[in-house]
Protein backbone atom coordinates (compact mmCIF):
# COMPACT_ATOMS: atom_id res chain seq x y z
CA UNK A 1 0.00 0.00 0.00
CA UNK A 2 1.46 3.38 -1.00
CA UNK A 3 1.66 6.47 1.21
CA UNK A 4 -1.52 8.03 -0.21
CA UNK A 5 -3.51 4.84 0.33
CA UNK A 6 -2.19 4.62 3.90
CA UNK A 7 -3.17 8.23 4.55
CA UNK A 8 -6.65 7.74 3.09
CA UNK A 9 -7.13 4.59 5.17
CA UNK A 10 -6.06 6.40 8.33
CA UNK A 11 -8.44 9.31 7.65
CA UNK A 12 -11.30 6.84 7.15
CA UNK A 13 -10.44 5.13 10.45
CA UNK A 14 -10.30 8.53 12.17
CA UNK A 15 -13.76 9.50 10.96
CA UNK A 16 -15.23 6.09 11.79
CA UNK A 17 -13.81 6.30 15.30
CA UNK A 18 -15.23 9.82 15.78
CA UNK A 19 -18.66 8.58 14.68
CA UNK A 20 -18.29 5.71 17.14
CA UNK A 21 -17.76 8.17 20.00
CA UNK A 22 -20.91 10.07 19.01
CA UNK A 23 -22.85 6.77 18.95
CA UNK A 24 -21.57 5.78 22.40
CA UNK A 25 -22.68 9.08 23.88
CA UNK A 26 -26.09 8.71 22.22
CA UNK A 27 -26.44 5.14 23.55
CA UNK A 28 -25.89 6.54 27.04
CA UNK A 29 -28.71 9.05 26.67
CA UNK A 30 -26.75 12.15 25.64
CA UNK A 31 -26.74 14.26 22.52
CA UNK A 32 -23.46 14.61 20.65
CA UNK A 33 -22.34 16.43 17.49
CA UNK A 34 -19.22 17.12 15.47
CA UNK A 35 -18.20 20.73 16.17
CA UNK A 36 -16.07 23.54 14.83
CA UNK A 37 -13.30 23.16 12.29
CA UNK A 38 -14.14 19.63 11.15
CA UNK A 39 -17.66 20.76 10.18
CA UNK A 40 -16.20 23.72 8.28
CA UNK A 41 -13.74 21.47 6.45
CA UNK A 42 -16.41 18.98 5.42
CA UNK A 43 -18.62 21.76 4.07
CA UNK A 44 -15.63 23.03 2.08
CA UNK A 45 -15.13 19.59 0.57
CA UNK A 46 -11.94 18.62 2.39
CA UNK A 47 -11.31 15.72 4.75
CA UNK A 48 -10.75 16.85 8.35
CA UNK A 49 -7.48 15.99 10.05
CA UNK A 50 -9.18 15.89 13.44
CA UNK A 51 -12.68 15.85 14.86
CA UNK A 52 -13.94 17.77 17.89
CA UNK A 53 -17.12 16.53 19.52
CA UNK A 54 -19.56 18.60 21.57
CA UNK A 55 -22.11 17.01 23.88
CA UNK A 56 -24.53 17.70 26.71
CA UNK A 57 -22.78 15.02 28.79
CA UNK A 58 -20.81 16.59 31.64
CA UNK A 59 -17.11 15.77 32.13
CA UNK A 60 -17.78 13.10 34.77
CA UNK A 61 -20.22 11.38 32.41
CA UNK A 62 -17.65 11.39 29.61
CA UNK A 63 -14.97 9.93 31.88
CA UNK A 64 -17.32 7.16 33.02
CA UNK A 65 -18.38 6.20 29.48
CA UNK A 66 -14.93 5.89 27.89
CA UNK A 67 -12.04 3.75 29.12
CA UNK A 68 -9.15 6.05 28.16
CA UNK A 69 -9.56 9.73 28.94
CA UNK A 70 -7.36 12.68 29.88
CA UNK A 71 -8.90 15.68 31.72
CA UNK A 72 -7.03 18.30 29.69
CA UNK A 73 -9.52 21.08 30.45
CA UNK A 74 -11.98 19.60 32.89
CA UNK A 75 -12.78 23.02 34.41
CA UNK A 76 -13.91 24.14 30.96
CA UNK A 77 -15.71 20.89 30.23
CA UNK A 78 -13.03 19.48 27.90
CA UNK A 79 -11.96 15.83 28.08
CA UNK A 80 -9.53 14.07 25.74
CA UNK A 81 -10.96 10.70 24.70
CA UNK A 82 -8.52 8.16 23.24
CA UNK A 83 -9.98 5.48 20.99
CA UNK A 84 -8.11 3.25 18.50
CA UNK A 85 -4.97 5.30 19.24
CA UNK A 86 -6.71 8.48 18.03
CA UNK A 87 -7.30 11.41 20.39
CA UNK A 88 -10.49 13.47 20.32
CA UNK A 89 -11.48 16.55 22.30
CA UNK A 90 -14.94 15.90 23.70
CA UNK A 91 -16.38 19.08 25.23
CA UNK A 92 -19.55 19.78 27.13
CA UNK A 93 -21.76 22.45 25.53
CA UNK A 94 -20.94 25.64 27.42
CA UNK A 95 -21.29 29.39 27.51
CA UNK A 96 -18.43 31.49 28.86
CA UNK A 97 -18.30 34.21 31.47
CA UNK A 98 -15.88 37.13 31.42
CA UNK A 99 -12.27 36.71 30.24
CA UNK A 100 -10.23 38.79 32.67
CA UNK A 101 -6.92 37.36 31.41
CA UNK A 102 -7.76 37.76 27.71
CA UNK A 103 -7.47 34.04 27.17
CA UNK A 104 -9.56 31.85 29.50
CA UNK A 105 -13.13 32.39 30.74
CA UNK A 106 -13.33 33.09 34.47
CA UNK A 107 -16.45 30.93 34.67
CA UNK A 108 -18.33 28.55 32.36
CA UNK A 109 -21.95 27.50 32.36
CA UNK A 110 -23.04 24.27 30.69
CA UNK A 111 -25.78 24.87 28.13
CA UNK A 112 -27.12 23.64 24.77
CA UNK A 113 -25.62 23.64 21.27
CA UNK A 114 -27.01 27.08 20.38
CA UNK A 115 -25.49 28.69 23.47
CA UNK A 116 -22.18 26.91 22.78
CA UNK A 117 -22.03 28.27 19.23
CA UNK A 118 -22.31 31.85 20.43
CA UNK A 119 -19.11 31.69 22.49
CA UNK A 120 -16.94 30.49 19.57
CA UNK A 121 -14.63 32.74 17.53
CA UNK A 122 -15.76 32.93 13.89
CA UNK A 123 -18.98 31.95 12.15
CA UNK A 124 -17.26 29.37 9.94
CA UNK A 125 -16.07 27.64 13.14
CA UNK A 126 -19.41 27.86 14.94
CA UNK A 127 -21.37 25.10 13.18
CA UNK A 128 -22.31 21.55 14.23
CA UNK A 129 -22.96 18.34 12.33
CA UNK A 130 -24.86 15.20 13.26
CA UNK A 131 -22.96 12.32 11.58
CA UNK A 132 -25.70 9.82 12.44
CA UNK A 133 -28.60 11.76 10.92
CA UNK A 134 -26.43 13.62 8.39
CA UNK A 135 -27.76 17.02 9.48
CA UNK A 136 -26.01 20.39 9.86
CA UNK A 137 -26.84 22.91 12.60
CA UNK A 138 -25.94 26.53 11.99
CA UNK A 139 -27.30 29.34 14.15
CA UNK A 140 -24.49 31.84 13.45
CA UNK A 141 -24.56 32.14 9.64
CA UNK A 142 -21.43 30.10 9.06
CA UNK A 143 -22.65 28.45 5.85
CA UNK A 144 -23.52 31.83 4.32
CA UNK A 145 -20.07 33.18 5.20
CA UNK A 146 -18.41 30.11 3.69
CA UNK A 147 -20.25 30.82 0.44
CA UNK A 148 -19.35 34.52 0.66
CA UNK A 149 -15.74 33.60 1.55
CA UNK A 150 -15.73 35.76 4.67
CA UNK A 151 -14.11 35.55 8.11
CA UNK A 152 -16.66 37.08 10.47
CA UNK A 153 -16.55 37.17 14.27
CA UNK A 154 -19.58 35.67 15.97
CA UNK A 155 -21.68 38.40 17.56
CA UNK A 156 -19.84 41.55 18.65
CA UNK A 157 -16.25 41.36 17.31
CA UNK A 158 -14.93 43.62 20.09
CA UNK A 159 -16.24 41.15 22.66
CA UNK A 160 -14.83 38.14 20.80
CA UNK A 161 -11.36 39.70 20.52
CA UNK A 162 -11.32 40.98 24.08
CA UNK A 163 -12.13 37.44 25.24
CA UNK A 164 -9.08 36.07 23.45
CA UNK A 165 -6.78 38.60 21.77
CA UNK A 166 -5.00 35.89 19.79
CA UNK A 167 -8.17 35.61 17.71
CA UNK A 168 -6.99 38.77 15.90
CA UNK A 169 -4.07 36.84 14.38
CA UNK A 170 -6.22 33.73 13.93
CA UNK A 171 -8.56 35.80 11.74
CA UNK A 172 -5.61 36.52 9.47
CA UNK A 173 -4.55 32.87 9.46
CA UNK A 174 -7.97 31.60 8.46
CA UNK A 175 -8.35 34.31 5.81
CA UNK A 176 -5.02 33.35 4.24
CA UNK A 177 -5.53 29.62 4.65
CA UNK A 178 -8.82 29.68 2.74
CA UNK A 179 -8.18 32.76 0.59
CA UNK A 180 -11.11 34.57 2.26
CA UNK A 181 -11.58 38.22 3.18
CA UNK A 182 -12.07 39.49 6.72
CA UNK A 183 -15.53 40.98 7.14
CA UNK A 184 -15.48 44.78 7.49
CA UNK A 185 -16.65 45.15 11.11
CA UNK A 186 -14.39 42.29 12.20
CA UNK A 187 -11.41 43.95 10.51
CA UNK A 188 -12.27 47.32 12.03
CA UNK A 189 -12.32 45.80 15.51
CA UNK A 190 -8.86 44.33 14.97
CA UNK A 191 -7.50 47.70 13.82
CA UNK A 192 -8.79 49.35 16.98
CA UNK A 193 -7.70 46.59 19.38
CA UNK A 194 -4.32 45.84 17.76
CA UNK A 195 -2.36 47.24 20.72
CA UNK A 196 -3.74 44.49 22.95
CA UNK A 197 -2.08 41.68 20.98
CA UNK A 198 1.05 41.84 23.16
CA UNK A 199 -1.00 40.85 26.18
CA UNK A 200 -1.00 37.40 24.57
CA UNK A 201 1.92 35.14 25.47
CA UNK A 202 4.88 35.07 23.07
CA UNK A 203 4.47 31.31 22.70
CA UNK A 204 0.89 31.60 21.41
CA UNK A 205 1.84 34.40 18.99
CA UNK A 206 4.78 32.30 17.77
CA UNK A 207 2.55 29.28 17.16
CA UNK A 208 0.06 31.32 15.12
CA UNK A 209 2.90 32.83 13.10
CA UNK A 210 4.18 29.32 12.41
CA UNK A 211 0.80 28.20 11.06
CA UNK A 212 0.43 31.37 9.01
CA UNK A 213 3.91 31.45 7.48
CA UNK A 214 3.91 27.76 6.60
CA UNK A 215 0.42 28.07 5.09
CA UNK A 216 -0.47 28.65 1.44
CA UNK A 217 -0.25 32.48 1.43
CA UNK A 218 2.52 33.73 3.76
CA UNK A 219 2.99 36.93 1.73
CA UNK A 220 -0.70 37.82 2.04
CA UNK A 221 -0.59 37.11 5.76
CA UNK A 222 2.21 39.64 6.33
CA UNK A 223 0.41 42.26 4.23
CA UNK A 224 -2.81 41.63 6.13
CA UNK A 225 -1.09 41.78 9.53
CA UNK A 226 0.40 45.10 8.44
CA UNK A 227 -2.92 46.52 7.20
CA UNK A 228 -4.59 45.54 10.50
CA UNK A 229 -1.82 47.27 12.54
CA UNK A 230 -0.73 43.95 14.09
CA UNK A 231 2.62 43.53 12.34
CA UNK A 232 4.16 46.61 13.96
CA UNK A 233 3.20 45.22 17.37
CA UNK A 234 4.65 41.72 16.96
CA UNK A 235 7.47 42.31 14.45
CA UNK A 236 8.39 46.00 14.32
CA UNK A 237 11.70 45.06 12.66
CA UNK A 238 9.73 43.91 9.61
CA UNK A 239 7.63 47.07 9.30
CA UNK A 240 10.88 49.06 9.54
CA UNK A 241 11.71 47.74 6.05
CA UNK A 242 8.86 49.73 4.52
CA UNK A 243 10.10 52.62 2.38
CA UNK A 244 13.78 51.60 2.57
CA UNK A 245 15.01 52.10 -0.99
CA UNK A 246 17.28 49.65 -2.81
CA UNK A 247 19.52 50.04 -5.90
CA UNK A 248 17.27 49.49 -8.93
CA UNK A 249 19.80 47.44 -10.90
CA UNK A 250 19.81 44.79 -8.15
CA UNK A 251 16.26 45.25 -6.91
CA UNK A 252 13.91 46.47 -9.64
CA UNK A 253 10.97 45.18 -7.57
CA UNK A 254 11.11 48.06 -5.08
CA UNK A 255 11.90 48.72 -1.41
CA UNK A 256 13.03 46.16 1.16
CA UNK A 257 9.51 45.43 2.41
CA UNK A 258 8.23 44.88 -1.14
CA UNK A 259 11.18 42.58 -1.83
CA UNK A 260 10.48 40.57 1.34
CA UNK A 261 6.82 40.08 0.42
CA UNK A 262 7.82 38.97 -3.08
CA UNK A 263 10.34 36.54 -1.60
CA UNK A 264 7.55 35.02 0.51
CA UNK A 265 5.43 34.77 -2.65
CA UNK A 266 8.21 32.84 -4.38
CA UNK A 267 8.51 30.55 -1.36
CA UNK A 268 4.76 29.87 -1.49
CA UNK A 269 4.95 29.22 -5.25
CA UNK A 270 7.63 26.61 -4.66
CA UNK A 271 5.60 25.05 -1.86
CA UNK A 272 2.51 24.80 -4.07
CA UNK A 273 4.53 23.29 -6.90
CA UNK A 274 5.86 20.69 -4.47
CA UNK A 275 2.34 19.86 -3.28
CA UNK A 276 1.13 19.12 -6.82
CA UNK A 277 3.26 16.00 -7.14
CA UNK A 278 4.32 13.32 -4.69
CA UNK A 279 7.40 12.75 -6.81
CA UNK A 280 8.62 16.35 -6.83
CA UNK A 281 11.05 17.64 -4.23
CA UNK A 282 11.85 21.34 -4.19
CA UNK A 283 15.62 21.09 -3.77
CA UNK A 284 15.93 17.80 -2.05
CA UNK A 285 17.34 15.34 -4.55
CA UNK A 286 20.76 15.35 -2.93
CA UNK A 287 22.16 12.68 -0.62
CA UNK A 288 19.90 11.98 2.34
CA UNK A 289 17.97 15.22 1.87
CA UNK A 290 14.27 15.98 2.10
CA UNK A 291 11.88 18.59 0.82
CA UNK A 292 12.19 21.74 2.95
CA UNK A 293 9.73 24.12 1.29
CA UNK A 294 7.30 23.84 4.22
CA UNK A 295 9.97 24.39 6.87
CA UNK A 296 9.02 26.85 9.64
CA UNK A 297 12.67 27.85 10.07
CA UNK A 298 12.98 28.56 6.34
CA UNK A 299 9.79 30.64 6.31
CA UNK A 300 11.00 32.77 9.22
CA UNK A 301 14.41 33.19 7.59
CA UNK A 302 12.76 34.33 4.36
CA UNK A 303 10.74 36.90 6.33
CA UNK A 304 13.76 38.13 8.30
CA UNK A 305 16.64 37.77 5.85
CA UNK A 306 16.88 41.51 5.13
CA UNK A 307 15.88 43.01 8.49
CA UNK A 308 19.44 44.29 8.84
CA UNK A 309 19.03 46.60 5.85
CA UNK A 310 17.17 49.52 7.47
CA UNK A 311 19.88 49.96 10.13
CA UNK A 312 22.79 49.56 7.67
CA UNK A 313 21.37 51.76 4.90
CA UNK A 314 23.87 54.26 3.50
CA UNK A 315 24.44 56.09 0.24
CA UNK A 316 28.05 56.06 -1.01
CA UNK A 317 28.74 55.39 -4.69
CA UNK A 318 25.27 53.85 -4.59
CA UNK A 319 22.82 52.62 -1.96
CA UNK A 320 24.63 50.07 0.20
CA UNK A 321 23.77 47.81 3.14
CA UNK A 322 27.20 46.82 4.38
CA UNK A 323 27.19 43.79 6.71
CA UNK A 324 23.39 43.65 6.74
CA UNK A 325 23.63 39.85 6.84
CA UNK A 326 25.58 39.74 10.11
CA UNK A 327 23.63 42.67 11.61
CA UNK A 328 20.39 40.98 10.60
CA UNK A 329 21.51 37.71 12.19
CA UNK A 330 22.00 39.45 15.55
CA UNK A 331 18.55 41.04 15.26
CA UNK A 332 17.07 37.67 14.29
CA UNK A 333 18.53 36.04 17.37
CA UNK A 334 16.77 38.59 19.58
CA UNK A 335 13.47 38.11 17.72
CA UNK A 336 13.70 34.33 18.17
CA UNK A 337 14.33 34.79 21.89
CA UNK A 338 11.42 37.23 22.14
CA UNK A 339 9.13 34.65 20.51
CA UNK A 340 10.40 31.94 22.85
CA UNK A 341 11.68 29.68 20.11
CA UNK A 342 13.69 26.59 20.91
CA UNK A 343 17.48 26.85 20.76
CA UNK A 344 17.49 24.64 17.66
CA UNK A 345 14.99 26.90 15.88
CA UNK A 346 16.87 30.03 16.90
CA UNK A 347 20.21 28.66 15.75
CA UNK A 348 18.90 27.51 12.37
CA UNK A 349 16.98 30.71 11.56
CA UNK A 350 19.89 32.90 12.67
CA UNK A 351 22.34 30.81 10.62
CA UNK A 352 20.14 31.12 7.53
CA UNK A 353 19.90 34.91 7.86
CA UNK A 354 23.66 35.21 8.41
CA UNK A 355 24.41 32.96 5.42
CA UNK A 356 21.71 34.12 2.99
CA UNK A 357 24.27 35.73 0.63
CA UNK A 358 26.82 32.92 0.90
CA UNK A 359 26.08 31.26 -2.46
CA UNK A 360 26.52 34.53 -4.34
CA UNK A 361 29.98 33.61 -5.65
CA UNK A 362 29.72 29.84 -5.42
CA UNK A 363 31.25 29.22 -8.82
CA UNK A 364 34.48 30.82 -7.62
CA UNK A 365 34.67 28.88 -4.33
CA UNK A 366 37.05 26.04 -3.59
CA UNK A 367 35.38 22.63 -3.79
CA UNK A 368 36.32 21.95 -0.16
CA UNK A 369 34.42 25.05 0.96
CA UNK A 370 31.33 23.98 -0.97
CA UNK A 371 31.48 20.42 0.34
CA UNK A 372 31.68 21.71 3.91
CA UNK A 373 28.59 23.77 3.18
CA UNK A 374 26.77 20.80 1.64
CA UNK A 375 27.57 18.78 4.76
CA UNK A 376 25.65 21.25 6.94
CA UNK A 377 22.15 19.92 7.60
CA UNK A 378 20.72 23.38 6.96
CA UNK A 379 22.06 23.56 3.41
CA UNK A 380 18.78 22.58 1.65
CA UNK A 381 17.00 25.44 3.45
CA UNK A 382 19.83 27.85 2.65
CA UNK A 383 19.69 26.91 -1.03
CA UNK A 384 15.92 27.46 -1.09
CA UNK A 385 16.34 30.82 0.67
CA UNK A 386 18.97 31.90 -1.86
CA UNK A 387 16.74 30.74 -4.70
CA UNK A 388 13.62 32.65 -3.65
CA UNK A 389 15.71 35.71 -2.72
CA UNK A 390 17.19 35.69 -6.23
CA UNK A 391 13.83 35.12 -7.93
CA UNK A 392 12.47 38.15 -6.05
CA UNK A 393 15.24 40.43 -7.34
CA UNK A 394 17.54 39.77 -10.32
CA UNK A 395 16.13 36.29 -11.10
CA UNK A 396 19.71 35.13 -11.72
CA UNK A 397 19.94 31.51 -10.57
CA UNK A 398 23.39 30.68 -11.98
CA UNK A 399 25.04 30.19 -8.60
CA UNK A 400 22.03 28.32 -7.22
CA UNK A 401 21.94 25.94 -10.19
CA UNK A 402 25.69 25.41 -10.00
CA UNK A 403 25.44 24.41 -6.33
CA UNK A 404 22.37 22.24 -6.78
CA UNK A 405 23.84 20.34 -9.70
CA UNK A 406 26.96 19.58 -7.68
CA UNK A 407 24.99 18.80 -4.51
CA UNK A 408 22.78 16.30 -6.31
CA UNK A 409 25.66 14.57 -8.04
CA UNK A 410 27.83 14.10 -4.95
CA UNK A 411 27.50 11.01 -2.79
CA UNK A 412 27.25 11.19 0.99
CA UNK A 413 30.75 9.83 1.43
CA UNK A 414 32.11 12.57 -0.82
CA UNK A 415 30.45 15.29 1.25
CA UNK A 416 31.07 13.71 4.67
CA UNK A 417 34.09 11.43 4.26
CA UNK A 418 35.51 9.56 7.24
CA UNK A 419 38.57 11.46 8.60
CA UNK A 420 41.85 10.08 7.29
CA UNK A 421 43.63 10.91 10.55
CA UNK A 422 42.62 12.04 14.06
CA UNK A 423 44.18 13.82 17.00
CA UNK A 424 45.57 10.49 18.19
CA UNK A 425 47.62 10.24 15.00
CA UNK A 426 49.04 13.71 15.63
CA UNK A 427 49.98 12.72 19.18
CA UNK A 428 51.73 9.67 17.72
CA UNK A 429 53.77 12.09 15.60
CA UNK A 430 54.98 13.70 18.81
CA UNK A 431 52.69 16.72 18.87
CA UNK A 432 51.18 18.02 22.09
CA UNK A 433 47.40 18.72 22.01
CA UNK A 434 46.62 22.37 21.37
CA UNK A 435 45.27 24.90 18.85
CA UNK A 436 47.64 23.57 16.21
CA UNK A 437 45.65 20.31 16.14
CA UNK A 438 42.54 21.96 14.74
CA UNK A 439 44.53 23.89 12.14
CA UNK A 440 46.27 20.78 10.87
CA UNK A 441 43.18 18.57 10.88
CA UNK A 442 41.16 21.26 9.09
CA UNK A 443 43.83 21.71 6.45
CA UNK A 444 43.98 17.95 5.87
CA UNK A 445 40.20 17.72 5.67
CA UNK A 446 40.19 20.45 3.00
CA UNK A 447 42.76 18.51 0.97
CA UNK A 448 40.68 15.36 1.42
CA UNK A 449 37.54 17.16 0.23
CA UNK A 450 39.51 18.47 -2.74
CA UNK A 451 40.60 14.83 -3.33
CA UNK A 452 44.24 15.89 -3.30
CA UNK A 453 44.90 13.27 -0.65
CA UNK A 454 42.95 10.01 -0.35
CA UNK A 455 44.87 7.74 2.04
CA UNK A 456 46.01 7.83 5.65
CA UNK A 457 49.62 7.60 4.52
CA UNK A 458 49.22 10.74 2.41
CA UNK A 459 47.46 12.49 5.27
CA UNK A 460 50.27 11.69 7.72
CA UNK A 461 52.85 12.96 5.23
CA UNK A 462 50.87 16.18 4.82
CA UNK A 463 50.56 16.51 8.60
CA UNK A 464 54.35 16.30 8.98
CA UNK A 465 54.77 19.02 6.35
CA UNK A 466 52.28 21.24 8.16
CA UNK A 467 54.00 20.65 11.50
CA UNK A 468 57.27 21.71 9.93
CA UNK A 469 55.70 24.87 8.51
CA UNK A 470 53.95 25.75 11.80
CA UNK A 471 57.08 25.19 13.86
CA UNK A 472 58.91 27.45 11.64
C-alpha cells in the first residue's frame, strides 16, 4: 500500500472512530455532534485531520463512558478521549463568562448547542454536524459566510477579541488559509484593538505565526497583519523595512519590504509546486535530503533575511547595506528569543539569515568550501532561501543551479568522508594537544575534500609538512 492509500485509510479510520464516540454518547442518553473546524472542512469539501465533539454530557459522564480519557480542560468541560490510538477533544456544551486574562473564561456555564455556538470565535467555526442523521446545525450564519468567503466574528467582534486577543491573528490565518476576506466590522475591531495583541503570550503568537507562514499564502498574511496594525506590534523590525530604498539594478521590484513580500510569494509558489506531485522535491534530490519548502525555520528566515538593511542603509557610490547579513543575524537572534523559540529553531533561523548571501559567488569557491557547506544539515534550506531571494530580485539563478547540480551529483561519502587521521595520530607524531591540532586537521580535511589526498599515509605525510611549517 502506497503512502496516499495509507493516509486515506487512516483518515477513514479517524472519521469512523469519531462517529463511534458520538454513537456511544447517544447510547448513554446524551446528545453529541461534530463541532467547529471539522464541520467547516467537510462543508468546504476537504477531509478533516481531526474531529472535535460537543455534547450535553458533563465531564464526569464522559470519563465514566470511555475507558481512556485525559482531563485536559476539565474546568472548561473538555476531556480528551482516546480510541483506536486516536485522540479526540470531547467538550460539554458551554457558555463562557468574562475573560479577565484575555485568554480563559473566568467561569463557564453548561448549556445547549445554540449557546455553545455563540461563544466560539468565527462563524465558519461555529457550526455543528450530526454524523448519524447527516444534518447540519448553523445558528451563526457560518454556511452563508463560507459561500461569501468571509471571516466574520460571531456576535460583537470587540467582545470576541477581548475574550481572546490571539483571535486577531487567527482571523488573518484563516483568511489566508482559505483565501477569504475578513468581514469589514471584524477587521475594524482588529485595527482598533491591535495594541492588545502583546497581552497574549509570546508562545501563542509564535505558534500562530508558524501556522500562518507555513500556510499557502505567507505573503498575504504579512500584508494583512500590516494593514490591520498587528505587524508593527509583533514584528516592528519587519515594518521598519517599509520605504527603505534599494539600488534598482539589483532590486527592480522596489523597497526592502516589497522585496520581502515577493520573496515570501516565491517561497509559497515553490511550496505549491511541491504539493502538486508526490514525486517532486523542491531542492531535495541530494544525498539523504528531504523537501524543505514547508519548513518553519525557512519561512522565518525568508521573512527576516533583510531586516538588517534599514539599520545599515547608506548612500556612497550607490545605496549600500554593508554587513546587513551579520547585523540581521543578531537582530534575528533577539526576535527568536522574544518569541520563545527553541534553541534549535533560533540557531537555524539565525544561521540562515547570516548565510543568505553565501552562495553569491559559489562558482568561484574552492570545492572543499562547498562540500563543507553541503555537509551542513541546513544547506537545503539555505539553497531554497537563496533561490527565492534571487527570484524576487535579479532572477539570476546561476550560482544556485551550480550548487544544486553539484549537490545532487555528490555522494554522501564525498560530502562527509571519514577522517583520514585524528588527533591520536598527531599525538603519535609527537605533537602536544593544542590549537595547532585543529589547524592541521582542518587543512587535511580540506585537501581530502579536494581529493588531493585520499589515504592515511598521504594524510600523515601532509601533517608532517604542516607541523614543519607551523614550527617554523
